[in-house]
Amino acid sequence: MNESRTPSSSPSQPSLTERRKAATQLDIARAAMELFTEKGPDGTTAEEIARGAGVALRTFYRYFRNKQDAVGPLLASGGARWRELLAATEPGTPLLQALEAAAVTSLSPQDAAAEEALHGTRTLLRAAQEDPALRAVWYRVNQESEEQLLPVIADLTGPGADPLETRLTAAAATDAIRVALELWSTTDSPTSGPGSPSALAARGLRHLVG
């Protein structure tokens, strides 16, 4: 039976409750990022993160399993922006060109807040080298991003696309972005120009997806 949906139940229009939940998660994630940057994951407690976000400890654990898990929303935001740009690609654009253009735009900070967010990602990826729990969050975020990329690529390639090629493309493209950010995090390269995340991602996409 078909039932008409109200705007609040539409997938493209989150309900007020969902928006509040997302806002709380982001507040907690930002507090965790600040503390991790200042003290490192080992020197930070869940209690401190909750206090920094202005929420009760029980609220923290309602949304996140542990302190490392708390930065997941920030680590996932770049992939969400990439998929959003990719989904808005002009019809008929070659897939590799679309993937590269969206990646370069999403990894090129346009303001001070985006610049700070990218540097925050570098801090987290450096910490993840010595923190298995944080590294697991990063890998999970990338796995989820790959799965969410599948329908976007399927839409761009059309109904006749080979499912195997679609999955391989999603995996290769996601790994190209992941490796670019991981490599950049091991350097002191700036956020633009040679050696930047956008430049490394573009190179990676050409090698893997091309």
N, C-alpha and C. Protein backbone atom coordinates (compact mmCIF):
# COMPACT_ATOMS: atom_id res chain seq x y z
N MET A 1 0.85 -1.19 0.00
CA MET A 1 0.00 0.00 0.00
C MET A 1 0.88 1.23 0.00
N ASN A 2 0.57 2.18 -0.88
CA ASN A 2 1.34 3.40 -0.96
C ASN A 2 0.72 4.45 -0.06
N GLU A 3 1.55 5.09 0.71
CA GLU A 3 1.10 6.16 1.59
C GLU A 3 1.92 7.39 1.30
N SER A 4 1.27 8.54 1.30
CA SER A 4 1.99 9.79 1.06
C SER A 4 2.84 10.10 2.27
N ARG A 5 4.03 10.59 2.00
CA ARG A 5 4.95 10.93 3.08
C ARG A 5 4.83 12.41 3.42
N THR A 6 4.94 12.69 4.69
CA THR A 6 5.03 14.08 5.10
C THR A 6 6.44 14.54 4.88
N PRO A 7 6.69 15.87 4.74
CA PRO A 7 8.04 16.36 4.51
C PRO A 7 9.02 15.91 5.57
N SER A 8 8.54 15.80 6.82
CA SER A 8 9.47 15.43 7.90
C SER A 8 9.95 14.01 7.80
N SER A 9 9.20 13.14 7.07
CA SER A 9 9.61 11.75 6.98
C SER A 9 10.40 11.47 5.73
N SER A 10 10.58 12.49 4.86
CA SER A 10 11.33 12.32 3.63
C SER A 10 12.80 12.12 3.93
N PRO A 11 13.47 11.17 3.23
CA PRO A 11 14.89 10.94 3.47
C PRO A 11 15.73 12.18 3.26
N SER A 12 15.28 13.08 2.38
CA SER A 12 16.06 14.27 2.08
C SER A 12 15.79 15.39 3.07
N GLN A 13 14.79 15.20 3.95
CA GLN A 13 14.44 16.22 4.92
C GLN A 13 14.38 15.60 6.31
N PRO A 14 15.50 15.57 7.01
CA PRO A 14 15.52 14.94 8.34
C PRO A 14 14.52 15.61 9.29
N SER A 15 13.98 14.83 10.19
CA SER A 15 13.04 15.37 11.17
C SER A 15 13.80 16.25 12.17
N LEU A 16 13.05 17.01 12.95
CA LEU A 16 13.66 17.87 13.96
C LEU A 16 14.46 17.04 14.95
N THR A 17 13.94 15.89 15.34
CA THR A 17 14.66 15.02 16.26
C THR A 17 15.98 14.55 15.67
N GLU A 18 15.96 14.18 14.40
CA GLU A 18 17.18 13.73 13.73
C GLU A 18 18.20 14.85 13.62
N ARG A 19 17.72 16.07 13.36
CA ARG A 19 18.63 17.22 13.26
C ARG A 19 19.26 17.52 14.62
N ARG A 20 18.47 17.43 15.66
CA ARG A 20 18.99 17.68 17.01
C ARG A 20 20.02 16.61 17.38
N LYS A 21 19.72 15.37 17.04
CA LYS A 21 20.65 14.29 17.33
C LYS A 21 21.97 14.52 16.59
N ALA A 22 21.89 14.88 15.31
CA ALA A 22 23.10 15.12 14.52
C ALA A 22 23.90 16.30 15.09
N ALA A 23 23.19 17.34 15.55
CA ALA A 23 23.86 18.51 16.12
C ALA A 23 24.58 18.15 17.41
N THR A 24 23.94 17.32 18.24
CA THR A 24 24.57 16.89 19.49
C THR A 24 25.81 16.05 19.20
N GLN A 25 25.69 15.13 18.26
CA GLN A 25 26.83 14.30 17.89
C GLN A 25 28.00 15.16 17.39
N LEU A 26 27.69 16.19 16.61
CA LEU A 26 28.74 17.05 16.08
C LEU A 26 29.38 17.87 17.19
N ASP A 27 28.58 18.33 18.15
CA ASP A 27 29.14 19.06 19.29
C ASP A 27 30.12 18.17 20.06
N ILE A 28 29.73 16.93 20.28
CA ILE A 28 30.60 15.99 21.00
C ILE A 28 31.85 15.71 20.18
N ALA A 29 31.70 15.53 18.88
CA ALA A 29 32.85 15.26 18.02
C ALA A 29 33.85 16.42 18.04
N ARG A 30 33.34 17.64 18.00
CA ARG A 30 34.23 18.81 18.03
C ARG A 30 34.97 18.92 19.36
N ALA A 31 34.25 18.63 20.45
CA ALA A 31 34.90 18.66 21.76
C ALA A 31 35.99 17.59 21.82
N ALA A 32 35.71 16.41 21.27
CA ALA A 32 36.72 15.34 21.26
C ALA A 32 37.92 15.75 20.42
N MET A 33 37.67 16.35 19.27
CA MET A 33 38.76 16.79 18.41
C MET A 33 39.66 17.79 19.12
N GLU A 34 39.06 18.75 19.79
CA GLU A 34 39.85 19.77 20.50
C GLU A 34 40.71 19.14 21.59
N LEU A 35 40.12 18.22 22.34
CA LEU A 35 40.87 17.58 23.42
C LEU A 35 41.95 16.65 22.88
N PHE A 36 41.65 15.92 21.81
CA PHE A 36 42.65 15.04 21.21
C PHE A 36 43.82 15.86 20.69
N THR A 37 43.53 17.03 20.11
CA THR A 37 44.58 17.89 19.59
C THR A 37 45.45 18.43 20.72
N GLU A 38 44.80 18.75 21.83
CA GLU A 38 45.53 19.32 22.98
C GLU A 38 46.26 18.27 23.81
N LYS A 39 45.60 17.12 24.06
CA LYS A 39 46.13 16.15 25.01
C LYS A 39 46.39 14.77 24.43
N GLY A 40 45.92 14.54 23.20
CA GLY A 40 46.03 13.22 22.61
C GLY A 40 44.92 12.31 23.12
N PRO A 41 44.60 11.25 22.37
CA PRO A 41 43.53 10.34 22.81
C PRO A 41 43.83 9.70 24.17
N ASP A 42 45.08 9.31 24.40
CA ASP A 42 45.42 8.66 25.67
C ASP A 42 45.20 9.58 26.86
N GLY A 43 45.42 10.86 26.66
CA GLY A 43 45.30 11.82 27.76
C GLY A 43 43.92 12.39 27.93
N THR A 44 42.97 11.90 27.16
CA THR A 44 41.60 12.42 27.18
C THR A 44 40.64 11.35 27.69
N THR A 45 39.66 11.76 28.49
CA THR A 45 38.65 10.83 28.97
C THR A 45 37.29 11.17 28.36
N ALA A 46 36.40 10.19 28.38
CA ALA A 46 35.04 10.43 27.89
C ALA A 46 34.35 11.49 28.72
N GLU A 47 34.65 11.51 30.02
CA GLU A 47 34.05 12.52 30.90
C GLU A 47 34.45 13.92 30.46
N GLU A 48 35.71 14.10 30.10
CA GLU A 48 36.18 15.42 29.66
C GLU A 48 35.52 15.83 28.34
N ILE A 49 35.34 14.87 27.45
CA ILE A 49 34.69 15.17 26.18
C ILE A 49 33.24 15.60 26.42
N ALA A 50 32.54 14.85 27.26
CA ALA A 50 31.15 15.19 27.57
C ALA A 50 31.06 16.58 28.19
N ARG A 51 31.96 16.86 29.12
CA ARG A 51 31.97 18.17 29.76
C ARG A 51 32.24 19.27 28.74
N GLY A 52 33.18 19.02 27.84
CA GLY A 52 33.51 20.02 26.82
C GLY A 52 32.36 20.28 25.86
N ALA A 53 31.54 19.25 25.63
CA ALA A 53 30.40 19.40 24.73
C ALA A 53 29.16 19.91 25.45
N GLY A 54 29.24 19.99 26.78
CA GLY A 54 28.10 20.47 27.55
C GLY A 54 26.97 19.46 27.65
N VAL A 55 27.33 18.17 27.67
CA VAL A 55 26.31 17.12 27.80
C VAL A 55 26.68 16.19 28.95
N ALA A 56 25.69 15.43 29.40
CA ALA A 56 25.93 14.46 30.46
C ALA A 56 26.71 13.27 29.90
N LEU A 57 27.43 12.57 30.76
CA LEU A 57 28.21 11.41 30.32
C LEU A 57 27.28 10.34 29.74
N ARG A 58 26.11 10.18 30.28
CA ARG A 58 25.17 9.18 29.75
C ARG A 58 24.73 9.56 28.32
N THR A 59 24.67 10.87 28.05
CA THR A 59 24.34 11.31 26.70
C THR A 59 25.47 10.95 25.74
N PHE A 60 26.70 11.14 26.19
CA PHE A 60 27.86 10.76 25.37
C PHE A 60 27.75 9.29 24.97
N TYR A 61 27.49 8.42 25.95
CA TYR A 61 27.46 6.98 25.66
C TYR A 61 26.18 6.57 24.93
N ARG A 62 25.20 7.43 24.89
CA ARG A 62 24.01 7.15 24.08
C ARG A 62 24.36 7.20 22.59
N TYR A 63 25.34 8.05 22.26
CA TYR A 63 25.71 8.23 20.86
C TYR A 63 26.99 7.52 20.45
N PHE A 64 27.92 7.34 21.38
CA PHE A 64 29.23 6.80 21.03
C PHE A 64 29.65 5.70 22.00
N ARG A 65 30.33 4.69 21.46
CA ARG A 65 30.76 3.56 22.28
C ARG A 65 31.97 3.90 23.13
N ASN A 66 32.86 4.73 22.61
CA ASN A 66 34.07 5.09 23.34
C ASN A 66 34.56 6.45 22.86
N LYS A 67 35.64 6.94 23.46
CA LYS A 67 36.10 8.29 23.14
C LYS A 67 36.60 8.41 21.71
N GLN A 68 37.23 7.37 21.19
CA GLN A 68 37.72 7.41 19.81
C GLN A 68 36.56 7.47 18.82
N ASP A 69 35.50 6.75 19.13
CA ASP A 69 34.33 6.72 18.26
C ASP A 69 33.71 8.11 18.11
N ALA A 70 33.94 8.97 19.08
CA ALA A 70 33.31 10.29 19.08
C ALA A 70 33.74 11.17 17.92
N VAL A 71 34.91 10.95 17.37
CA VAL A 71 35.37 11.81 16.26
C VAL A 71 34.90 11.29 14.91
N GLY A 72 34.16 10.18 14.90
CA GLY A 72 33.67 9.62 13.65
C GLY A 72 32.92 10.61 12.77
N PRO A 73 31.99 11.41 13.33
CA PRO A 73 31.25 12.35 12.49
C PRO A 73 32.15 13.36 11.77
N LEU A 74 33.23 13.77 12.41
CA LEU A 74 34.14 14.71 11.75
C LEU A 74 34.94 14.01 10.66
N LEU A 75 35.39 12.80 10.92
CA LEU A 75 36.14 12.06 9.90
C LEU A 75 35.25 11.72 8.70
N ALA A 76 33.96 11.58 8.95
CA ALA A 76 33.04 11.21 7.87
C ALA A 76 32.56 12.41 7.06
N SER A 77 32.74 13.62 7.57
CA SER A 77 32.15 14.79 6.91
C SER A 77 32.76 15.06 5.54
N GLY A 78 34.06 14.79 5.38
CA GLY A 78 34.70 15.02 4.09
C GLY A 78 34.13 14.12 3.00
N GLY A 79 33.92 12.84 3.35
CA GLY A 79 33.35 11.90 2.39
C GLY A 79 31.94 12.28 2.01
N ALA A 80 31.18 12.78 2.97
CA ALA A 80 29.80 13.19 2.70
C ALA A 80 29.80 14.36 1.71
N ARG A 81 30.72 15.29 1.90
CA ARG A 81 30.81 16.44 0.99
C ARG A 81 31.20 15.98 -0.41
N TRP A 82 32.12 15.03 -0.50
CA TRP A 82 32.57 14.50 -1.80
C TRP A 82 31.39 13.84 -2.54
N ARG A 83 30.64 13.02 -1.84
CA ARG A 83 29.50 12.35 -2.47
C ARG A 83 28.42 13.35 -2.89
N GLU A 84 28.24 14.38 -2.09
CA GLU A 84 27.26 15.41 -2.43
C GLU A 84 27.63 16.12 -3.73
N LEU A 85 28.90 16.47 -3.86
CA LEU A 85 29.38 17.12 -5.07
C LEU A 85 29.28 16.18 -6.26
N LEU A 86 29.61 14.92 -6.03
CA LEU A 86 29.58 13.94 -7.11
C LEU A 86 28.15 13.73 -7.61
N ALA A 87 27.21 13.68 -6.68
CA ALA A 87 25.81 13.48 -7.06
C ALA A 87 25.27 14.64 -7.87
N ALA A 88 25.87 15.83 -7.69
CA ALA A 88 25.41 17.01 -8.41
C ALA A 88 26.13 17.20 -9.75
N THR A 89 26.94 16.22 -10.16
CA THR A 89 27.70 16.32 -11.40
C THR A 89 26.77 16.44 -12.61
N GLU A 90 27.19 17.24 -13.57
CA GLU A 90 26.43 17.41 -14.80
C GLU A 90 26.30 16.06 -15.52
N PRO A 91 25.09 15.67 -15.93
CA PRO A 91 24.91 14.40 -16.65
C PRO A 91 25.80 14.33 -17.88
N GLY A 92 26.35 13.17 -18.12
CA GLY A 92 27.21 12.99 -19.28
C GLY A 92 28.68 13.21 -19.01
N THR A 93 29.02 13.70 -17.81
CA THR A 93 30.43 13.92 -17.46
C THR A 93 31.13 12.57 -17.31
N PRO A 94 32.30 12.38 -17.95
CA PRO A 94 33.03 11.11 -17.77
C PRO A 94 33.26 10.83 -16.29
N LEU A 95 33.13 9.57 -15.90
CA LEU A 95 33.16 9.21 -14.48
C LEU A 95 34.45 9.62 -13.79
N LEU A 96 35.60 9.35 -14.41
CA LEU A 96 36.87 9.71 -13.78
C LEU A 96 36.96 11.21 -13.58
N GLN A 97 36.54 11.96 -14.57
CA GLN A 97 36.55 13.42 -14.46
C GLN A 97 35.65 13.89 -13.32
N ALA A 98 34.49 13.26 -13.19
CA ALA A 98 33.56 13.63 -12.13
C ALA A 98 34.14 13.30 -10.75
N LEU A 99 34.72 12.11 -10.61
CA LEU A 99 35.32 11.71 -9.34
C LEU A 99 36.44 12.65 -8.94
N GLU A 100 37.30 12.97 -9.90
CA GLU A 100 38.45 13.83 -9.59
C GLU A 100 38.01 15.25 -9.24
N ALA A 101 37.08 15.79 -10.02
CA ALA A 101 36.63 17.16 -9.77
C ALA A 101 35.98 17.29 -8.39
N ALA A 102 35.14 16.31 -8.05
CA ALA A 102 34.48 16.35 -6.74
C ALA A 102 35.49 16.19 -5.61
N ALA A 103 36.47 15.31 -5.79
CA ALA A 103 37.48 15.09 -4.76
C ALA A 103 38.33 16.34 -4.55
N VAL A 104 38.77 16.95 -5.64
CA VAL A 104 39.62 18.14 -5.54
C VAL A 104 38.85 19.27 -4.84
N THR A 105 37.59 19.45 -5.19
CA THR A 105 36.80 20.52 -4.57
C THR A 105 36.58 20.24 -3.09
N SER A 106 36.23 19.01 -2.75
CA SER A 106 35.93 18.69 -1.35
C SER A 106 37.17 18.75 -0.46
N LEU A 107 38.35 18.53 -1.05
CA LEU A 107 39.59 18.55 -0.27
C LEU A 107 40.33 19.88 -0.36
N SER A 108 39.74 20.88 -1.00
CA SER A 108 40.34 22.21 -1.11
C SER A 108 39.57 23.16 -0.20
N PRO A 109 40.08 23.47 0.98
CA PRO A 109 39.34 24.31 1.93
C PRO A 109 39.06 25.70 1.37
N GLN A 110 37.81 26.13 1.49
CA GLN A 110 37.39 27.41 0.96
C GLN A 110 37.37 28.52 2.01
N ASP A 111 37.49 28.16 3.27
CA ASP A 111 37.48 29.17 4.33
C ASP A 111 38.30 28.66 5.51
N ALA A 112 38.39 29.50 6.54
CA ALA A 112 39.21 29.17 7.70
C ALA A 112 38.68 27.94 8.43
N ALA A 113 37.36 27.79 8.48
CA ALA A 113 36.78 26.64 9.19
C ALA A 113 37.14 25.33 8.48
N ALA A 114 37.08 25.34 7.15
CA ALA A 114 37.43 24.14 6.39
C ALA A 114 38.92 23.84 6.51
N GLU A 115 39.73 24.88 6.54
CA GLU A 115 41.17 24.71 6.71
C GLU A 115 41.46 24.06 8.06
N GLU A 116 40.80 24.55 9.09
CA GLU A 116 41.00 24.01 10.43
C GLU A 116 40.54 22.56 10.50
N ALA A 117 39.43 22.25 9.82
CA ALA A 117 38.91 20.88 9.83
C ALA A 117 39.89 19.92 9.18
N LEU A 118 40.54 20.36 8.09
CA LEU A 118 41.50 19.50 7.40
C LEU A 118 42.73 19.26 8.28
N HIS A 119 43.18 20.30 8.95
CA HIS A 119 44.32 20.12 9.86
C HIS A 119 43.92 19.21 11.03
N GLY A 120 42.66 19.30 11.45
CA GLY A 120 42.19 18.41 12.51
C GLY A 120 42.22 16.96 12.07
N THR A 121 41.86 16.72 10.81
CA THR A 121 41.92 15.37 10.27
C THR A 121 43.36 14.87 10.28
N ARG A 122 44.31 15.72 9.93
CA ARG A 122 45.71 15.31 9.96
C ARG A 122 46.13 14.93 11.38
N THR A 123 45.71 15.71 12.36
CA THR A 123 46.04 15.40 13.75
C THR A 123 45.49 14.03 14.15
N LEU A 124 44.23 13.76 13.76
CA LEU A 124 43.61 12.48 14.12
C LEU A 124 44.29 11.31 13.42
N LEU A 125 44.66 11.49 12.16
CA LEU A 125 45.30 10.40 11.43
C LEU A 125 46.70 10.13 11.98
N ARG A 126 47.38 11.15 12.43
CA ARG A 126 48.68 10.93 13.07
C ARG A 126 48.51 10.16 14.37
N ALA A 127 47.49 10.55 15.14
CA ALA A 127 47.23 9.86 16.41
C ALA A 127 46.81 8.41 16.16
N ALA A 128 46.10 8.18 15.05
CA ALA A 128 45.61 6.83 14.75
C ALA A 128 46.73 5.84 14.49
N GLN A 129 47.90 6.33 14.12
CA GLN A 129 49.04 5.44 13.88
C GLN A 129 49.43 4.69 15.14
N GLU A 130 49.18 5.30 16.29
CA GLU A 130 49.55 4.69 17.57
C GLU A 130 48.33 4.26 18.39
N ASP A 131 47.14 4.47 17.85
CA ASP A 131 45.92 4.19 18.59
C ASP A 131 45.03 3.26 17.77
N PRO A 132 45.04 1.96 18.05
CA PRO A 132 44.24 1.00 17.26
C PRO A 132 42.76 1.32 17.24
N ALA A 133 42.20 1.80 18.35
CA ALA A 133 40.78 2.10 18.40
C ALA A 133 40.43 3.26 17.47
N LEU A 134 41.28 4.27 17.44
CA LEU A 134 41.06 5.40 16.56
C LEU A 134 41.24 4.99 15.10
N ARG A 135 42.22 4.13 14.87
CA ARG A 135 42.45 3.62 13.51
C ARG A 135 41.24 2.82 13.03
N ALA A 136 40.62 2.07 13.93
CA ALA A 136 39.44 1.29 13.57
C ALA A 136 38.28 2.20 13.19
N VAL A 137 38.14 3.32 13.87
CA VAL A 137 37.10 4.28 13.52
C VAL A 137 37.33 4.83 12.12
N TRP A 138 38.58 5.13 11.80
CA TRP A 138 38.92 5.66 10.47
C TRP A 138 38.60 4.63 9.38
N TYR A 139 38.94 3.38 9.62
CA TYR A 139 38.65 2.34 8.62
C TYR A 139 37.15 2.12 8.48
N ARG A 140 36.43 2.18 9.59
CA ARG A 140 34.98 2.02 9.52
C ARG A 140 34.32 3.15 8.73
N VAL A 141 34.79 4.36 8.97
CA VAL A 141 34.27 5.52 8.24
C VAL A 141 34.47 5.35 6.74
N ASN A 142 35.64 4.85 6.36
CA ASN A 142 35.92 4.65 4.94
C ASN A 142 35.08 3.53 4.35
N GLN A 143 34.86 2.46 5.11
CA GLN A 143 34.01 1.38 4.63
C GLN A 143 32.58 1.86 4.40
N GLU A 144 32.08 2.64 5.34
CA GLU A 144 30.73 3.18 5.20
C GLU A 144 30.65 4.15 4.02
N SER A 145 31.71 4.93 3.83
CA SER A 145 31.73 5.87 2.71
C SER A 145 31.70 5.13 1.38
N GLU A 146 32.45 4.03 1.30
CA GLU A 146 32.45 3.22 0.08
C GLU A 146 31.06 2.69 -0.23
N GLU A 147 30.37 2.19 0.79
CA GLU A 147 29.03 1.66 0.59
C GLU A 147 28.05 2.75 0.15
N GLN A 148 28.19 3.94 0.72
CA GLN A 148 27.31 5.04 0.36
C GLN A 148 27.65 5.62 -1.01
N LEU A 149 28.86 5.37 -1.49
CA LEU A 149 29.27 5.84 -2.80
C LEU A 149 28.67 5.00 -3.93
N LEU A 150 28.35 3.75 -3.65
CA LEU A 150 27.86 2.83 -4.68
C LEU A 150 26.65 3.37 -5.45
N PRO A 151 25.58 3.80 -4.78
CA PRO A 151 24.43 4.28 -5.55
C PRO A 151 24.72 5.55 -6.33
N VAL A 152 25.64 6.37 -5.83
CA VAL A 152 26.00 7.60 -6.54
C VAL A 152 26.69 7.25 -7.86
N ILE A 153 27.63 6.31 -7.81
CA ILE A 153 28.32 5.88 -9.03
C ILE A 153 27.35 5.17 -9.97
N ALA A 154 26.46 4.37 -9.42
CA ALA A 154 25.48 3.68 -10.25
C ALA A 154 24.60 4.68 -11.00
N ASP A 155 24.22 5.77 -10.34
CA ASP A 155 23.41 6.79 -11.00
C ASP A 155 24.18 7.48 -12.11
N LEU A 156 25.48 7.72 -11.88
CA LEU A 156 26.29 8.41 -12.89
C LEU A 156 26.57 7.53 -14.10
N THR A 157 26.72 6.22 -13.88
CA THR A 157 27.07 5.32 -14.98
C THR A 157 25.85 4.81 -15.73
N GLY A 158 24.67 4.90 -15.12
CA GLY A 158 23.46 4.51 -15.83
C GLY A 158 23.04 3.08 -15.56
N PRO A 159 21.84 2.70 -16.03
CA PRO A 159 21.26 1.38 -15.71
C PRO A 159 22.03 0.21 -16.31
N GLY A 160 22.84 0.44 -17.33
CA GLY A 160 23.55 -0.68 -17.95
C GLY A 160 24.90 -0.96 -17.35
N ALA A 161 25.23 -0.30 -16.23
CA ALA A 161 26.56 -0.46 -15.63
C ALA A 161 26.75 -1.86 -15.09
N ASP A 162 27.97 -2.37 -15.21
CA ASP A 162 28.34 -3.68 -14.67
C ASP A 162 28.46 -3.55 -13.15
N PRO A 163 27.69 -4.33 -12.36
CA PRO A 163 27.77 -4.23 -10.90
C PRO A 163 29.19 -4.43 -10.36
N LEU A 164 29.96 -5.33 -10.99
CA LEU A 164 31.32 -5.55 -10.54
C LEU A 164 32.17 -4.30 -10.75
N GLU A 165 32.05 -3.69 -11.91
CA GLU A 165 32.81 -2.48 -12.19
C GLU A 165 32.41 -1.34 -11.25
N THR A 166 31.12 -1.27 -10.94
CA THR A 166 30.64 -0.22 -10.03
C THR A 166 31.25 -0.39 -8.65
N ARG A 167 31.25 -1.62 -8.14
CA ARG A 167 31.82 -1.88 -6.81
C ARG A 167 33.32 -1.63 -6.79
N LEU A 168 34.00 -2.07 -7.84
CA LEU A 168 35.45 -1.86 -7.90
C LEU A 168 35.78 -0.37 -7.98
N THR A 169 34.99 0.37 -8.73
CA THR A 169 35.21 1.81 -8.84
C THR A 169 35.01 2.49 -7.50
N ALA A 170 33.94 2.11 -6.78
CA ALA A 170 33.68 2.70 -5.47
C ALA A 170 34.81 2.39 -4.50
N ALA A 171 35.30 1.14 -4.54
CA ALA A 171 36.39 0.75 -3.64
C ALA A 171 37.67 1.50 -3.98
N ALA A 172 38.00 1.56 -5.28
CA ALA A 172 39.24 2.22 -5.70
C ALA A 172 39.20 3.71 -5.40
N ALA A 173 38.06 4.34 -5.68
CA ALA A 173 37.95 5.78 -5.44
C ALA A 173 38.05 6.11 -3.96
N THR A 174 37.37 5.32 -3.14
CA THR A 174 37.43 5.54 -1.69
C THR A 174 38.85 5.35 -1.17
N ASP A 175 39.54 4.32 -1.64
CA ASP A 175 40.91 4.08 -1.20
C ASP A 175 41.86 5.18 -1.67
N ALA A 176 41.60 5.73 -2.85
CA ALA A 176 42.45 6.81 -3.35
C ALA A 176 42.38 8.01 -2.41
N ILE A 177 41.18 8.35 -1.96
CA ILE A 177 41.02 9.47 -1.02
C ILE A 177 41.65 9.13 0.32
N ARG A 178 41.40 7.91 0.81
CA ARG A 178 41.94 7.50 2.11
C ARG A 178 43.46 7.56 2.12
N VAL A 179 44.08 6.97 1.10
CA VAL A 179 45.54 6.94 1.05
C VAL A 179 46.11 8.35 0.90
N ALA A 180 45.44 9.19 0.13
CA ALA A 180 45.91 10.57 -0.04
C ALA A 180 45.94 11.29 1.31
N LEU A 181 44.88 11.15 2.09
CA LEU A 181 44.84 11.81 3.39
C LEU A 181 45.86 11.21 4.36
N GLU A 182 46.00 9.89 4.33
CA GLU A 182 46.97 9.25 5.23
C GLU A 182 48.39 9.68 4.88
N LEU A 183 48.71 9.72 3.59
CA LEU A 183 50.05 10.13 3.19
C LEU A 183 50.31 11.58 3.55
N TRP A 184 49.33 12.43 3.29
CA TRP A 184 49.47 13.85 3.63
C TRP A 184 49.68 14.04 5.13
N SER A 185 49.01 13.22 5.94
CA SER A 185 49.12 13.37 7.39
C SER A 185 50.52 13.06 7.91
N THR A 186 51.32 12.35 7.12
CA THR A 186 52.68 12.03 7.56
C THR A 186 53.66 13.14 7.19
N THR A 187 53.18 14.18 6.52
CA THR A 187 54.03 15.27 6.09
C THR A 187 53.57 16.58 6.74
N ASP A 188 54.31 17.64 6.44
CA ASP A 188 53.90 18.97 6.87
C ASP A 188 53.47 19.81 5.67
N SER A 189 53.08 19.14 4.59
CA SER A 189 52.66 19.84 3.38
C SER A 189 51.42 20.68 3.67
N PRO A 190 51.25 21.80 2.97
CA PRO A 190 50.07 22.65 3.18
C PRO A 190 48.80 22.00 2.63
N THR A 191 47.70 22.69 2.79
CA THR A 191 46.42 22.15 2.34
C THR A 191 46.13 22.46 0.88
N SER A 192 47.04 23.13 0.21
CA SER A 192 46.88 23.40 -1.22
C SER A 192 48.23 23.29 -1.90
N GLY A 193 48.20 23.10 -3.23
CA GLY A 193 49.43 22.99 -3.99
C GLY A 193 49.97 21.58 -4.00
N PRO A 194 51.19 21.40 -4.51
CA PRO A 194 51.80 20.06 -4.59
C PRO A 194 51.90 19.42 -3.20
N GLY A 195 51.56 18.14 -3.12
CA GLY A 195 51.62 17.44 -1.85
C GLY A 195 50.42 17.63 -0.98
N SER A 196 49.46 18.42 -1.42
CA SER A 196 48.23 18.65 -0.63
C SER A 196 47.28 17.46 -0.79
N PRO A 197 46.28 17.35 0.07
CA PRO A 197 45.33 16.24 -0.07
C PRO A 197 44.65 16.20 -1.43
N SER A 198 44.27 17.36 -1.95
CA SER A 198 43.58 17.38 -3.24
C SER A 198 44.50 16.93 -4.37
N ALA A 199 45.77 17.35 -4.33
CA ALA A 199 46.72 16.94 -5.38
C ALA A 199 47.00 15.45 -5.30
N LEU A 200 47.19 14.94 -4.10
CA LEU A 200 47.46 13.51 -3.92
C LEU A 200 46.24 12.67 -4.32
N ALA A 201 45.05 13.15 -3.98
CA ALA A 201 43.84 12.40 -4.33
C ALA A 201 43.66 12.35 -5.84
N ALA A 202 43.92 13.47 -6.52
CA ALA A 202 43.78 13.49 -7.97
C ALA A 202 44.74 12.49 -8.62
N ARG A 203 45.97 12.47 -8.13
CA ARG A 203 46.94 11.50 -8.66
C ARG A 203 46.48 10.07 -8.40
N GLY A 204 46.01 9.80 -7.19
CA GLY A 204 45.57 8.47 -6.84
C GLY A 204 44.39 8.00 -7.68
N LEU A 205 43.44 8.90 -7.89
CA LEU A 205 42.28 8.53 -8.70
C LEU A 205 42.67 8.21 -10.14
N ARG A 206 43.60 8.97 -10.69
CA ARG A 206 44.03 8.69 -12.05
C ARG A 206 44.69 7.32 -12.15
N HIS A 207 45.46 6.95 -11.13
CA HIS A 207 46.15 5.66 -11.15
C HIS A 207 45.19 4.50 -10.94
N LEU A 208 44.31 4.64 -9.91
CA LEU A 208 43.46 3.52 -9.53
C LEU A 208 42.23 3.37 -10.41
N VAL A 209 41.48 4.45 -10.54
CA VAL A 209 40.24 4.37 -11.28
C VAL A 209 40.49 4.37 -12.79
N GLY A 210 41.46 5.16 -13.23
CA GLY A 210 41.75 5.18 -14.66
C GLY A 210 42.23 3.85 -15.18
